[in-house]
């Protein structure tokens, strides 16, 4: 993992950020409690998210393999509540399932701890 540089922005802009999955998580509830239940779906569900507009910052990290950018994640800080937020995280389709996303999250969490001593780290799924 490393901080993104100017030349990475064009590469990031061409990464495949679509995905498909053969499972979903249903929210179940009972009284004041809730939990997630994994459910298999056939055919798999696919989605392409709108491509985020990125700018260089200390919070934009890239994952590389053999000099090629294969994923990225962006960390943003909220000073009003000392929260760090993972705003974007994507891994190129052919590198998924190899721990790249986990490594990006770990690197972003370390950056949040080291640079701003964030109170918490948020990752929110966009729909």
N, C-alpha and C. Protein backbone atom coordinates (compact mmCIF):
# COMPACT_ATOMS: atom_id res chain seq x y z
N UNK A 1 0.84 -1.18 0.00
CA UNK A 1 0.00 0.00 0.00
C UNK A 1 0.89 1.23 0.00
N UNK A 2 0.40 2.23 -0.70
CA UNK A 2 1.11 3.51 -0.69
C UNK A 2 0.12 4.63 -0.95
N UNK A 3 0.53 5.84 -0.63
CA UNK A 3 -0.28 7.01 -0.93
C UNK A 3 -0.30 7.22 -2.44
N UNK A 4 -1.47 7.56 -2.98
CA UNK A 4 -1.61 7.77 -4.43
C UNK A 4 -0.82 8.98 -4.88
N UNK A 5 -0.34 8.92 -6.11
CA UNK A 5 0.36 10.04 -6.75
C UNK A 5 -0.43 10.43 -8.00
N UNK A 6 -0.06 11.56 -8.60
CA UNK A 6 -0.80 12.11 -9.73
C UNK A 6 -1.05 11.07 -10.83
N UNK A 7 -0.04 10.30 -11.19
CA UNK A 7 -0.19 9.32 -12.27
C UNK A 7 -1.17 8.21 -11.96
N UNK A 8 -1.53 8.01 -10.69
CA UNK A 8 -2.46 6.94 -10.31
C UNK A 8 -3.91 7.29 -10.63
N UNK A 9 -4.24 8.58 -10.71
CA UNK A 9 -5.64 8.96 -10.87
C UNK A 9 -6.25 8.43 -12.16
N UNK A 10 -5.51 8.45 -13.25
CA UNK A 10 -6.03 7.93 -14.52
C UNK A 10 -6.23 6.42 -14.43
N UNK A 11 -5.28 5.73 -13.82
CA UNK A 11 -5.40 4.27 -13.65
C UNK A 11 -6.60 3.93 -12.78
N UNK A 12 -6.75 4.64 -11.68
CA UNK A 12 -7.90 4.43 -10.78
C UNK A 12 -9.20 4.62 -11.55
N UNK A 13 -9.23 5.62 -12.42
CA UNK A 13 -10.44 5.94 -13.19
C UNK A 13 -10.84 4.81 -14.14
N UNK A 14 -9.94 3.89 -14.43
CA UNK A 14 -10.24 2.80 -15.37
C UNK A 14 -10.38 1.44 -14.69
N UNK A 15 -10.30 1.39 -13.35
CA UNK A 15 -10.48 0.13 -12.65
C UNK A 15 -11.93 -0.34 -12.77
N UNK A 16 -12.11 -1.64 -12.85
CA UNK A 16 -13.45 -2.23 -12.86
C UNK A 16 -13.99 -2.19 -11.43
N UNK A 17 -15.01 -1.37 -11.19
CA UNK A 17 -15.57 -1.26 -9.85
C UNK A 17 -16.93 -1.92 -9.74
N UNK A 18 -17.32 -2.69 -10.75
CA UNK A 18 -18.57 -3.45 -10.66
C UNK A 18 -18.33 -4.69 -9.80
N UNK A 19 -19.40 -5.32 -9.38
CA UNK A 19 -19.25 -6.55 -8.62
C UNK A 19 -20.48 -7.43 -8.79
N UNK A 20 -20.31 -8.68 -8.44
CA UNK A 20 -21.44 -9.60 -8.37
C UNK A 20 -21.23 -10.49 -7.15
N UNK A 21 -22.33 -10.98 -6.62
CA UNK A 21 -22.26 -11.84 -5.44
C UNK A 21 -23.37 -12.88 -5.50
N UNK A 22 -23.08 -14.03 -4.93
CA UNK A 22 -24.08 -15.09 -4.88
C UNK A 22 -24.72 -15.19 -3.49
N UNK A 23 -24.48 -14.16 -2.65
CA UNK A 23 -25.12 -14.13 -1.34
C UNK A 23 -25.47 -12.71 -0.94
N UNK A 24 -26.50 -12.60 -0.16
CA UNK A 24 -26.93 -11.32 0.39
C UNK A 24 -27.10 -11.51 1.90
N UNK A 25 -27.24 -10.43 2.60
CA UNK A 25 -27.47 -10.49 4.04
C UNK A 25 -28.79 -9.81 4.34
N UNK A 26 -29.74 -10.57 4.82
CA UNK A 26 -31.05 -10.04 5.21
C UNK A 26 -30.99 -9.59 6.66
N UNK A 27 -31.60 -8.44 6.91
CA UNK A 27 -31.70 -7.94 8.28
C UNK A 27 -32.92 -8.58 8.92
N UNK A 28 -32.72 -9.24 10.03
CA UNK A 28 -33.80 -9.86 10.80
C UNK A 28 -33.90 -9.13 12.13
N UNK A 29 -35.09 -9.06 12.67
CA UNK A 29 -35.25 -8.39 13.95
C UNK A 29 -36.26 -9.12 14.82
N UNK A 30 -36.10 -8.88 16.11
CA UNK A 30 -36.98 -9.45 17.10
C UNK A 30 -36.98 -8.50 18.29
N UNK A 31 -38.05 -7.81 18.50
CA UNK A 31 -38.09 -6.84 19.60
C UNK A 31 -37.07 -5.75 19.39
N UNK A 32 -36.15 -5.62 20.32
CA UNK A 32 -35.12 -4.59 20.25
C UNK A 32 -33.81 -5.09 19.65
N UNK A 33 -33.78 -6.33 19.18
CA UNK A 33 -32.55 -6.90 18.63
C UNK A 33 -32.66 -7.06 17.12
N UNK A 34 -31.51 -7.04 16.45
CA UNK A 34 -31.48 -7.35 15.03
C UNK A 34 -30.19 -8.10 14.73
N UNK A 35 -30.18 -8.83 13.63
CA UNK A 35 -29.02 -9.59 13.20
C UNK A 35 -29.09 -9.78 11.70
N UNK A 36 -27.99 -10.20 11.12
CA UNK A 36 -27.92 -10.45 9.69
C UNK A 36 -27.92 -11.94 9.44
N UNK A 37 -28.69 -12.37 8.46
CA UNK A 37 -28.69 -13.77 8.04
C UNK A 37 -28.22 -13.84 6.60
N UNK A 38 -27.17 -14.65 6.40
CA UNK A 38 -26.65 -14.84 5.05
C UNK A 38 -27.63 -15.68 4.24
N UNK A 39 -27.87 -15.24 3.01
CA UNK A 39 -28.79 -15.96 2.13
C UNK A 39 -28.16 -16.08 0.75
N UNK A 40 -28.16 -17.29 0.19
CA UNK A 40 -27.62 -17.54 -1.14
C UNK A 40 -28.66 -17.16 -2.18
N UNK A 41 -28.23 -16.55 -3.27
CA UNK A 41 -29.15 -16.16 -4.34
C UNK A 41 -28.67 -16.74 -5.67
N UNK A 42 -29.63 -17.12 -6.49
CA UNK A 42 -29.33 -17.64 -7.82
C UNK A 42 -30.38 -17.09 -8.77
N UNK A 43 -30.02 -16.32 -9.75
CA UNK A 43 -28.66 -16.01 -10.20
C UNK A 43 -28.00 -14.96 -9.30
N UNK A 44 -26.68 -14.84 -9.39
CA UNK A 44 -25.97 -13.84 -8.59
C UNK A 44 -26.47 -12.42 -8.90
N UNK A 45 -26.35 -11.57 -7.90
CA UNK A 45 -26.72 -10.16 -8.01
C UNK A 45 -25.50 -9.38 -8.48
N UNK A 46 -25.67 -8.51 -9.46
CA UNK A 46 -24.57 -7.68 -9.94
C UNK A 46 -24.89 -6.21 -9.81
N UNK A 47 -23.86 -5.39 -9.67
CA UNK A 47 -24.08 -3.95 -9.54
C UNK A 47 -22.82 -3.20 -9.99
N UNK A 48 -23.03 -2.06 -10.61
CA UNK A 48 -21.95 -1.14 -10.92
C UNK A 48 -22.26 0.17 -10.22
N UNK A 49 -21.38 0.57 -9.33
CA UNK A 49 -21.56 1.82 -8.60
C UNK A 49 -21.16 3.00 -9.47
N UNK A 50 -21.75 4.17 -9.21
CA UNK A 50 -21.26 5.36 -9.92
C UNK A 50 -19.80 5.58 -9.57
N UNK A 51 -19.02 5.97 -10.54
CA UNK A 51 -17.59 6.17 -10.32
C UNK A 51 -17.37 7.45 -9.51
N UNK A 52 -16.67 7.32 -8.36
CA UNK A 52 -16.42 8.51 -7.54
C UNK A 52 -15.40 9.43 -8.20
N UNK A 53 -15.54 10.72 -7.95
CA UNK A 53 -14.56 11.70 -8.43
C UNK A 53 -13.53 11.87 -7.33
N UNK A 54 -12.29 11.56 -7.63
CA UNK A 54 -11.24 11.58 -6.62
C UNK A 54 -10.25 12.70 -6.85
N UNK A 55 -9.67 13.16 -5.76
CA UNK A 55 -8.57 14.11 -5.80
C UNK A 55 -7.46 13.55 -4.93
N UNK A 56 -6.24 13.94 -5.23
CA UNK A 56 -5.11 13.48 -4.42
C UNK A 56 -5.22 14.01 -3.01
N UNK A 57 -4.91 13.15 -2.06
CA UNK A 57 -4.85 13.54 -0.66
C UNK A 57 -4.02 12.49 0.07
N UNK A 58 -3.64 12.80 1.30
CA UNK A 58 -2.90 11.84 2.12
C UNK A 58 -3.76 10.64 2.46
N UNK A 59 -5.07 10.76 2.31
CA UNK A 59 -5.98 9.68 2.65
C UNK A 59 -6.31 8.75 1.50
N UNK A 60 -5.77 9.02 0.31
CA UNK A 60 -6.04 8.16 -0.85
C UNK A 60 -4.88 7.18 -1.01
N UNK A 61 -5.16 5.91 -0.71
CA UNK A 61 -4.14 4.87 -0.80
C UNK A 61 -4.43 3.95 -1.98
N UNK A 62 -3.37 3.42 -2.58
CA UNK A 62 -3.51 2.47 -3.67
C UNK A 62 -2.83 1.16 -3.29
N UNK A 63 -3.40 0.08 -3.79
CA UNK A 63 -2.80 -1.25 -3.67
C UNK A 63 -2.19 -1.58 -5.02
N UNK A 64 -0.99 -2.13 -5.03
CA UNK A 64 -0.30 -2.42 -6.28
C UNK A 64 0.17 -3.87 -6.31
N UNK A 65 0.25 -4.40 -7.52
CA UNK A 65 0.83 -5.73 -7.76
C UNK A 65 1.73 -5.60 -8.98
N UNK A 66 3.01 -5.81 -8.80
CA UNK A 66 3.94 -5.70 -9.91
C UNK A 66 3.95 -4.32 -10.56
N UNK A 67 3.76 -3.28 -9.77
CA UNK A 67 3.75 -1.91 -10.31
C UNK A 67 2.41 -1.47 -10.84
N UNK A 68 1.44 -2.37 -10.92
CA UNK A 68 0.10 -2.04 -11.43
C UNK A 68 -0.84 -1.72 -10.27
N UNK A 69 -1.59 -0.61 -10.39
CA UNK A 69 -2.59 -0.27 -9.38
C UNK A 69 -3.76 -1.24 -9.55
N UNK A 70 -4.06 -1.97 -8.48
CA UNK A 70 -5.13 -2.98 -8.54
C UNK A 70 -6.30 -2.67 -7.61
N UNK A 71 -6.18 -1.60 -6.84
CA UNK A 71 -7.27 -1.21 -5.94
C UNK A 71 -6.93 0.08 -5.24
N UNK A 72 -7.93 0.65 -4.60
CA UNK A 72 -7.70 1.87 -3.84
C UNK A 72 -8.74 2.03 -2.74
N UNK A 73 -8.39 2.85 -1.78
CA UNK A 73 -9.29 3.20 -0.70
C UNK A 73 -9.02 4.64 -0.31
N UNK A 74 -10.07 5.30 0.13
CA UNK A 74 -9.94 6.71 0.51
C UNK A 74 -10.43 6.92 1.93
N UNK A 75 -9.60 7.57 2.72
CA UNK A 75 -9.90 7.87 4.11
C UNK A 75 -10.16 9.36 4.25
N UNK A 76 -11.25 9.71 4.90
CA UNK A 76 -11.55 11.11 5.16
C UNK A 76 -11.78 11.28 6.65
N UNK A 77 -11.30 12.41 7.18
CA UNK A 77 -11.41 12.69 8.61
C UNK A 77 -12.51 13.71 8.85
N UNK A 78 -13.24 13.50 9.93
CA UNK A 78 -14.27 14.43 10.36
C UNK A 78 -13.83 15.01 11.70
N UNK A 79 -13.35 16.23 11.67
CA UNK A 79 -12.78 16.83 12.88
C UNK A 79 -13.84 17.10 13.95
N UNK A 80 -15.07 17.32 13.56
CA UNK A 80 -16.11 17.66 14.54
C UNK A 80 -16.39 16.50 15.50
N UNK A 81 -16.13 15.24 15.07
CA UNK A 81 -16.39 14.11 15.96
C UNK A 81 -15.20 13.15 16.05
N UNK A 82 -14.05 13.57 15.54
CA UNK A 82 -12.82 12.76 15.56
C UNK A 82 -13.01 11.37 14.94
N UNK A 83 -13.82 11.33 13.90
CA UNK A 83 -14.09 10.07 13.22
C UNK A 83 -13.35 10.02 11.90
N UNK A 84 -12.82 8.85 11.58
CA UNK A 84 -12.24 8.61 10.26
C UNK A 84 -13.25 7.76 9.49
N UNK A 85 -13.43 8.08 8.23
CA UNK A 85 -14.44 7.39 7.43
C UNK A 85 -13.78 6.85 6.15
N UNK A 86 -13.96 5.56 5.90
CA UNK A 86 -13.52 5.00 4.63
C UNK A 86 -14.59 5.35 3.62
N UNK A 87 -14.24 6.24 2.73
CA UNK A 87 -15.21 6.79 1.78
C UNK A 87 -15.36 5.89 0.55
N UNK A 88 -14.27 5.36 0.07
CA UNK A 88 -14.30 4.47 -1.11
C UNK A 88 -13.32 3.35 -0.89
N UNK A 89 -13.68 2.17 -1.34
CA UNK A 89 -12.74 1.06 -1.37
C UNK A 89 -13.15 0.14 -2.51
N UNK A 90 -12.23 -0.05 -3.44
CA UNK A 90 -12.48 -0.88 -4.61
C UNK A 90 -11.24 -1.70 -4.94
N UNK A 91 -11.48 -2.92 -5.39
CA UNK A 91 -10.41 -3.80 -5.85
C UNK A 91 -10.79 -4.28 -7.24
N UNK A 92 -9.84 -4.23 -8.17
CA UNK A 92 -10.07 -4.69 -9.53
C UNK A 92 -10.57 -6.13 -9.52
N UNK A 93 -11.54 -6.43 -10.39
CA UNK A 93 -12.20 -7.73 -10.41
C UNK A 93 -11.28 -8.93 -10.40
N UNK A 94 -10.22 -8.90 -11.17
CA UNK A 94 -9.37 -10.09 -11.25
C UNK A 94 -8.47 -10.29 -10.04
N UNK A 95 -8.46 -9.32 -9.10
CA UNK A 95 -7.67 -9.45 -7.89
C UNK A 95 -8.52 -9.65 -6.63
N UNK A 96 -9.82 -9.77 -6.80
CA UNK A 96 -10.70 -9.96 -5.64
C UNK A 96 -10.54 -11.37 -5.08
N UNK A 97 -10.81 -11.48 -3.79
CA UNK A 97 -10.71 -12.77 -3.13
C UNK A 97 -9.29 -13.15 -2.75
N UNK A 98 -8.38 -12.20 -2.83
CA UNK A 98 -6.97 -12.48 -2.50
C UNK A 98 -6.47 -11.68 -1.30
N UNK A 99 -7.38 -11.03 -0.59
CA UNK A 99 -7.00 -10.28 0.61
C UNK A 99 -6.60 -8.85 0.35
N UNK A 100 -6.74 -8.36 -0.90
CA UNK A 100 -6.35 -6.98 -1.21
C UNK A 100 -7.24 -5.99 -0.47
N UNK A 101 -8.54 -6.23 -0.46
CA UNK A 101 -9.48 -5.34 0.25
C UNK A 101 -9.19 -5.28 1.73
N UNK A 102 -8.93 -6.43 2.33
CA UNK A 102 -8.59 -6.50 3.76
C UNK A 102 -7.31 -5.71 4.02
N UNK A 103 -6.32 -5.86 3.15
CA UNK A 103 -5.06 -5.12 3.32
C UNK A 103 -5.29 -3.62 3.20
N UNK A 104 -6.15 -3.20 2.28
CA UNK A 104 -6.47 -1.78 2.15
C UNK A 104 -7.14 -1.26 3.42
N UNK A 105 -8.11 -2.01 3.94
CA UNK A 105 -8.79 -1.58 5.17
C UNK A 105 -7.79 -1.49 6.32
N UNK A 106 -6.91 -2.49 6.45
CA UNK A 106 -5.90 -2.45 7.50
C UNK A 106 -5.00 -1.23 7.37
N UNK A 107 -4.57 -0.91 6.15
CA UNK A 107 -3.69 0.25 5.92
C UNK A 107 -4.43 1.56 6.22
N UNK A 108 -5.70 1.65 5.83
CA UNK A 108 -6.48 2.85 6.12
C UNK A 108 -6.70 3.00 7.62
N UNK A 109 -6.95 1.90 8.31
CA UNK A 109 -7.13 1.96 9.77
C UNK A 109 -5.84 2.40 10.45
N UNK A 110 -4.71 1.89 9.99
CA UNK A 110 -3.43 2.30 10.56
C UNK A 110 -3.18 3.78 10.31
N UNK A 111 -3.51 4.26 9.13
CA UNK A 111 -3.35 5.68 8.81
C UNK A 111 -4.22 6.52 9.74
N UNK A 112 -5.45 6.08 10.00
CA UNK A 112 -6.36 6.81 10.89
C UNK A 112 -5.80 6.86 12.32
N UNK A 113 -5.23 5.75 12.77
CA UNK A 113 -4.64 5.71 14.13
C UNK A 113 -3.40 6.59 14.22
N UNK A 114 -2.54 6.48 13.23
CA UNK A 114 -1.23 7.14 13.26
C UNK A 114 -1.32 8.64 13.05
N UNK A 115 -2.08 9.07 12.08
CA UNK A 115 -2.05 10.48 11.71
C UNK A 115 -3.01 11.36 12.48
N UNK A 116 -4.14 10.84 12.85
CA UNK A 116 -5.12 11.70 13.50
C UNK A 116 -5.64 11.13 14.82
N UNK A 117 -5.21 9.95 15.17
CA UNK A 117 -5.71 9.28 16.38
C UNK A 117 -7.23 9.32 16.39
N UNK A 118 -7.83 8.87 15.32
CA UNK A 118 -9.29 8.89 15.18
C UNK A 118 -9.94 8.08 16.30
N UNK A 119 -11.07 8.57 16.74
CA UNK A 119 -11.86 7.92 17.79
C UNK A 119 -12.46 6.61 17.29
N UNK A 120 -12.86 6.58 16.02
CA UNK A 120 -13.43 5.37 15.43
C UNK A 120 -13.25 5.42 13.92
N UNK A 121 -13.45 4.28 13.30
CA UNK A 121 -13.34 4.16 11.87
C UNK A 121 -14.67 3.65 11.33
N UNK A 122 -15.21 4.35 10.35
CA UNK A 122 -16.51 4.00 9.77
C UNK A 122 -16.34 3.54 8.34
N UNK A 123 -17.07 2.52 8.01
CA UNK A 123 -17.19 2.07 6.62
C UNK A 123 -18.67 1.86 6.39
N UNK A 124 -19.22 2.58 5.45
CA UNK A 124 -20.66 2.49 5.20
C UNK A 124 -20.88 2.02 3.78
N UNK A 125 -21.75 1.08 3.61
CA UNK A 125 -22.09 0.59 2.29
C UNK A 125 -23.04 1.57 1.62
N UNK A 126 -22.71 1.97 0.44
CA UNK A 126 -23.58 2.87 -0.33
C UNK A 126 -24.51 2.02 -1.17
N UNK A 127 -25.74 2.46 -1.28
CA UNK A 127 -26.71 1.71 -2.08
C UNK A 127 -26.96 2.37 -3.40
